[in-house]
Amino acid sequence: MQHHSIAINDIPPSPFAGEPPDMFFGLPMAMARAMALRGERIGNDMAQVRLGFQPDQANSRGDVHGGSIATLLDCTLAAAVRSHDPAAYGVATIDLTLHFVTAAGGDLIATAHCERRGRSISFARGEVRAEDGTLVALATGSFKLIARRQD
């Protein structure tokens, strides 16, 4: 598998900028508030999400816990999969593979790209970097697109 970093400048700013902390790219998600996830950019089959550092999510060394990094990647890859119409689709994770590269503290920034979007199943890859650009983790995943009901 050849891996290329995702150019943040290729991801449009989020049309959902300023949304409440319990929203995630236009969809209600209480976990976004609990995990301090902020959707920063979405579009062009890509997404960027920031995980705000919280001491309650640190491991015994004071770095961001791997479970928090896994959640960040899951949410970011899922956002990339629905980036073509973020408010119209939710997703269900089918498979997520993670590779932890190094430990990090502070805010973490994940970027992801939807590699292939099918009618119901889509595939994405992504990475997490510390604010100084250090690669923290890589992931690939497959997701089921779920059309949201219009209320």
C-alpha atoms as a PDB file:
ATOM      1  CA  MET A   1       0.000   0.000   0.000  1.00  0.00           C
ATOM      2  CA  GLN A   2       1.476   3.318  -1.041  1.00  0.00           C
ATOM      3  CA  HIS A   3       0.726   6.085   1.426  1.00  0.00           C
ATOM      4  CA  HIS A   4       0.660   9.792   0.679  1.00  0.00           C
ATOM      5  CA  SER A   5      -0.017  12.527   3.191  1.00  0.00           C
ATOM      6  CA  ILE A   6      -3.243  14.379   2.650  1.00  0.00           C
ATOM      7  CA  ALA A   7      -2.719  18.049   1.794  1.00  0.00           C
ATOM      8  CA  ILE A   8      -4.818  20.037   4.249  1.00  0.00           C
ATOM      9  CA  ASN A   9      -5.110  22.889   1.738  1.00  0.00           C
ATOM     10  CA  ASP A  10      -7.010  20.504  -0.579  1.00  0.00           C
ATOM     11  CA  ILE A  11      -9.790  20.159   2.015  1.00  0.00           C
ATOM     12  CA  PRO A  12     -12.362  22.976   1.944  1.00  0.00           C
ATOM     13  CA  PRO A  13     -13.237  24.756   5.221  1.00  0.00           C
ATOM     14  CA  SER A  14     -16.253  23.235   6.917  1.00  0.00           C
ATOM     15  CA  PRO A  15     -19.617  24.773   6.030  1.00  0.00           C
ATOM     16  CA  PHE A  16     -20.554  23.830   9.603  1.00  0.00           C
ATOM     17  CA  ALA A  17     -17.975  26.130  11.246  1.00  0.00           C
ATOM     18  CA  GLY A  18     -19.115  27.343  14.649  1.00  0.00           C
ATOM     19  CA  GLU A  19     -21.515  24.452  15.222  1.00  0.00           C
ATOM     20  CA  PRO A  20     -22.225  23.494  18.852  1.00  0.00           C
ATOM     21  CA  PRO A  21     -19.808  21.047  20.533  1.00  0.00           C
ATOM     22  CA  ASP A  22     -22.351  18.191  20.350  1.00  0.00           C
ATOM     23  CA  MET A  23     -22.585  18.445  16.545  1.00  0.00           C
ATOM     24  CA  PHE A  24     -20.154  16.867  14.095  1.00  0.00           C
ATOM     25  CA  PHE A  25     -20.207  18.135  10.511  1.00  0.00           C
ATOM     26  CA  GLY A  26     -23.927  18.865  10.695  1.00  0.00           C
ATOM     27  CA  LEU A  27     -25.021  15.748  12.585  1.00  0.00           C
ATOM     28  CA  PRO A  28     -25.876  15.479  16.287  1.00  0.00           C
ATOM     29  CA  MET A  29     -23.157  13.519  18.098  1.00  0.00           C
ATOM     30  CA  ALA A  30     -22.864  13.879  21.863  1.00  0.00           C
ATOM     31  CA  MET A  31     -19.572  11.983  21.756  1.00  0.00           C
ATOM     32  CA  ALA A  32     -18.014  14.875  19.819  1.00  0.00           C
ATOM     33  CA  ARG A  33     -18.470  17.029  22.919  1.00  0.00           C
ATOM     34  CA  ALA A  34     -17.257  14.314  25.296  1.00  0.00           C
ATOM     35  CA  MET A  35     -14.135  13.658  23.199  1.00  0.00           C
ATOM     36  CA  ALA A  36     -13.510  17.328  22.283  1.00  0.00           C
ATOM     37  CA  LEU A  37     -13.708  16.527  18.551  1.00  0.00           C
ATOM     38  CA  ARG A  38     -14.013  19.537  16.244  1.00  0.00           C
ATOM     39  CA  GLY A  39     -14.698  19.097  12.560  1.00  0.00           C
ATOM     40  CA  GLU A  40     -12.459  21.675  10.888  1.00  0.00           C
ATOM     41  CA  ARG A  41     -12.583  20.891   7.154  1.00  0.00           C
ATOM     42  CA  ILE A  42     -14.689  18.658   4.905  1.00  0.00           C
ATOM     43  CA  GLY A  43     -15.169  18.187   1.158  1.00  0.00           C
ATOM     44  CA  ASN A  44     -13.442  16.820  -1.958  1.00  0.00           C
ATOM     45  CA  ASP A  45     -13.711  13.305  -0.434  1.00  0.00           C
ATOM     46  CA  MET A  46     -11.635  14.459   2.562  1.00  0.00           C
ATOM     47  CA  ALA A  47     -12.040  15.582   6.159  1.00  0.00           C
ATOM     48  CA  GLN A  48      -9.935  17.130   8.914  1.00  0.00           C
ATOM     49  CA  VAL A  49     -10.793  16.787  12.601  1.00  0.00           C
ATOM     50  CA  ARG A  50      -9.050  18.108  15.712  1.00  0.00           C
ATOM     51  CA  LEU A  51      -8.987  16.244  19.014  1.00  0.00           C
ATOM     52  CA  GLY A  52      -8.591  18.799  21.773  1.00  0.00           C
ATOM     53  CA  PHE A  53      -6.281  17.481  24.474  1.00  0.00           C
ATOM     54  CA  GLN A  54      -8.085  16.631  27.709  1.00  0.00           C
ATOM     55  CA  PRO A  55      -6.205  15.302  30.757  1.00  0.00           C
ATOM     56  CA  ASP A  56      -9.035  12.796  31.315  1.00  0.00           C
ATOM     57  CA  GLN A  57      -8.102  11.144  27.998  1.00  0.00           C
ATOM     58  CA  ALA A  58      -4.408  10.772  28.804  1.00  0.00           C
ATOM     59  CA  ASN A  59      -2.626   7.504  29.451  1.00  0.00           C
ATOM     60  CA  SER A  60      -0.371   6.839  32.450  1.00  0.00           C
ATOM     61  CA  ARG A  61       2.483   8.780  30.795  1.00  0.00           C
ATOM     62  CA  GLY A  62       0.329  11.856  30.141  1.00  0.00           C
ATOM     63  CA  ASP A  63       0.109  11.290  26.370  1.00  0.00           C
ATOM     64  CA  VAL A  64      -3.172  10.977  24.453  1.00  0.00           C
ATOM     65  CA  HIS A  65      -4.546   7.474  25.072  1.00  0.00           C
ATOM     66  CA  GLY A  66      -4.590   5.119  22.081  1.00  0.00           C
ATOM     67  CA  GLY A  67      -8.343   4.651  22.470  1.00  0.00           C
ATOM     68  CA  SER A  68      -8.853   8.378  21.972  1.00  0.00           C
ATOM     69  CA  ILE A  69      -6.652   8.286  18.874  1.00  0.00           C
ATOM     70  CA  ALA A  70      -8.690   5.336  17.560  1.00  0.00           C
ATOM     71  CA  THR A  71     -11.910   7.295  18.089  1.00  0.00           C
ATOM     72  CA  LEU A  72     -10.423  10.318  16.322  1.00  0.00           C
ATOM     73  CA  LEU A  73      -9.453   8.208  13.317  1.00  0.00           C
ATOM     74  CA  ASP A  74     -12.787   6.382  13.203  1.00  0.00           C
ATOM     75  CA  CYS A  75     -14.699   9.675  13.185  1.00  0.00           C
ATOM     76  CA  THR A  76     -12.383  11.344  10.664  1.00  0.00           C
ATOM     77  CA  LEU A  77     -12.405   8.464   8.173  1.00  0.00           C
ATOM     78  CA  ALA A  78     -16.201   8.255   8.528  1.00  0.00           C
ATOM     79  CA  ALA A  79     -16.470  12.007   7.855  1.00  0.00           C
ATOM     80  CA  ALA A  80     -14.372  11.646   4.683  1.00  0.00           C
ATOM     81  CA  VAL A  81     -16.705   8.889   3.482  1.00  0.00           C
ATOM     82  CA  ARG A  82     -19.752  11.162   3.886  1.00  0.00           C
ATOM     83  CA  SER A  83     -17.959  14.336   2.727  1.00  0.00           C
ATOM     84  CA  HIS A  84     -19.856  14.409  -0.577  1.00  0.00           C
ATOM     85  CA  ASP A  85     -23.068  15.283   1.328  1.00  0.00           C
ATOM     86  CA  PRO A  86     -22.239  15.417   5.069  1.00  0.00           C
ATOM     87  CA  ALA A  87     -25.676  16.254   6.447  1.00  0.00           C
ATOM     88  CA  ALA A  88     -27.453  13.589   4.363  1.00  0.00           C
ATOM     89  CA  TYR A  89     -25.448  10.533   5.419  1.00  0.00           C
ATOM     90  CA  GLY A  90     -24.372   8.781   8.551  1.00  0.00           C
ATOM     91  CA  VAL A  91     -22.074   5.785   8.500  1.00  0.00           C
ATOM     92  CA  ALA A  92     -21.501   2.528  10.328  1.00  0.00           C
ATOM     93  CA  THR A  93     -17.924   1.344  10.705  1.00  0.00           C
ATOM     94  CA  ILE A  94     -17.364  -2.127   9.249  1.00  0.00           C
ATOM     95  CA  ASP A  95     -13.615  -2.394   9.726  1.00  0.00           C
ATOM     96  CA  LEU A  96     -10.902  -0.138  11.116  1.00  0.00           C
ATOM     97  CA  THR A  97      -7.186  -0.933  11.091  1.00  0.00           C
ATOM     98  CA  LEU A  98      -4.814   1.260  13.084  1.00  0.00           C
ATOM     99  CA  HIS A  99      -1.069   1.608  13.182  1.00  0.00           C
ATOM    100  CA  PHE A 100       0.310   3.631  16.076  1.00  0.00           C
ATOM    101  CA  VAL A 101       3.606   5.278  15.148  1.00  0.00           C
ATOM    102  CA  THR A 102       4.532   7.368  18.202  1.00  0.00           C
ATOM    103  CA  ALA A 103       3.051   8.811  21.372  1.00  0.00           C
ATOM    104  CA  ALA A 104       1.982  12.449  21.535  1.00  0.00           C
ATOM    105  CA  GLY A 105       0.400  14.954  23.871  1.00  0.00           C
ATOM    106  CA  GLY A 106      -1.528  18.109  23.122  1.00  0.00           C
ATOM    107  CA  ASP A 107      -4.104  18.581  20.391  1.00  0.00           C
ATOM    108  CA  LEU A 108      -4.016  16.030  17.573  1.00  0.00           C
ATOM    109  CA  ILE A 109      -5.146  16.649  13.991  1.00  0.00           C
ATOM    110  CA  ALA A 110      -6.497  13.862  11.816  1.00  0.00           C
ATOM    111  CA  THR A 111      -6.976  13.994   8.055  1.00  0.00           C
ATOM    112  CA  ALA A 112      -8.664  11.360   5.926  1.00  0.00           C
ATOM    113  CA  HIS A 113      -9.470  10.634   2.287  1.00  0.00           C
ATOM    114  CA  CYS A 114     -12.292   8.510   0.890  1.00  0.00           C
ATOM    115  CA  GLU A 115     -10.470   6.229  -1.548  1.00  0.00           C
ATOM    116  CA  ARG A 116     -13.611   4.665  -3.009  1.00  0.00           C
ATOM    117  CA  ARG A 117     -17.272   5.360  -2.431  1.00  0.00           C
ATOM    118  CA  GLY A 118     -19.660   2.641  -3.525  1.00  0.00           C
ATOM    119  CA  ARG A 119     -23.440   2.648  -3.381  1.00  0.00           C
ATOM    120  CA  SER A 120     -23.359   1.351   0.178  1.00  0.00           C
ATOM    121  CA  ILE A 121     -19.757   0.508   1.166  1.00  0.00           C
ATOM    122  CA  SER A 122     -16.893   2.994   1.083  1.00  0.00           C
ATOM    123  CA  PHE A 123     -13.188   2.814   1.889  1.00  0.00           C
ATOM    124  CA  ALA A 124     -11.004   5.490   3.487  1.00  0.00           C
ATOM    125  CA  ARG A 125      -7.495   6.051   4.801  1.00  0.00           C
ATOM    126  CA  GLY A 126      -6.159   8.658   7.174  1.00  0.00           C
ATOM    127  CA  GLU A 127      -3.500   9.809   9.549  1.00  0.00           C
ATOM    128  CA  VAL A 128      -3.071  11.658  12.822  1.00  0.00           C
ATOM    129  CA  ARG A 129      -0.366  14.230  13.387  1.00  0.00           C
ATOM    130  CA  ALA A 130       0.653  16.266  16.393  1.00  0.00           C
ATOM    131  CA  GLU A 131       0.508  20.040  16.002  1.00  0.00           C
ATOM    132  CA  ASP A 132       4.238  20.084  15.177  1.00  0.00           C
ATOM    133  CA  GLY A 133       3.601  17.735  12.218  1.00  0.00           C
ATOM    134  CA  THR A 134       4.876  14.528  13.843  1.00  0.00           C
ATOM    135  CA  LEU A 135       3.100  11.451  12.465  1.00  0.00           C
ATOM    136  CA  VAL A 136       1.262   9.744  15.337  1.00  0.00           C
ATOM    137  CA  ALA A 137      -0.943   7.082  13.708  1.00  0.00           C
ATOM    138  CA  LEU A 138      -2.256   5.727  10.396  1.00  0.00           C
ATOM    139  CA  ALA A 139      -5.565   4.006   9.640  1.00  0.00           C
ATOM    140  CA  THR A 140      -7.656   2.426   6.927  1.00  0.00           C
ATOM    141  CA  GLY A 141     -11.300   1.548   7.208  1.00  0.00           C
ATOM    142  CA  SER A 142     -14.452   0.434   5.449  1.00  0.00           C
ATOM    143  CA  PHE A 143     -17.807   2.021   6.188  1.00  0.00           C
ATOM    144  CA  LYS A 144     -21.462   1.488   5.312  1.00  0.00           C
ATOM    145  CA  LEU A 145     -23.172   4.677   4.130  1.00  0.00           C
ATOM    146  CA  ILE A 146     -26.567   5.187   5.761  1.00  0.00           C
ATOM    147  CA  ALA A 147     -28.920   7.787   4.314  1.00  0.00           C
ATOM    148  CA  ARG A 148     -30.389   9.950   7.048  1.00  0.00           C
ATOM    149  CA  ARG A 149     -34.129  10.380   7.227  1.00  0.00           C
ATOM    150  CA  GLN A 150     -35.344  13.850   6.447  1.00  0.00           C
ATOM    151  CA  ASP A 151     -37.563  14.892   9.379  1.00  0.00           C
END
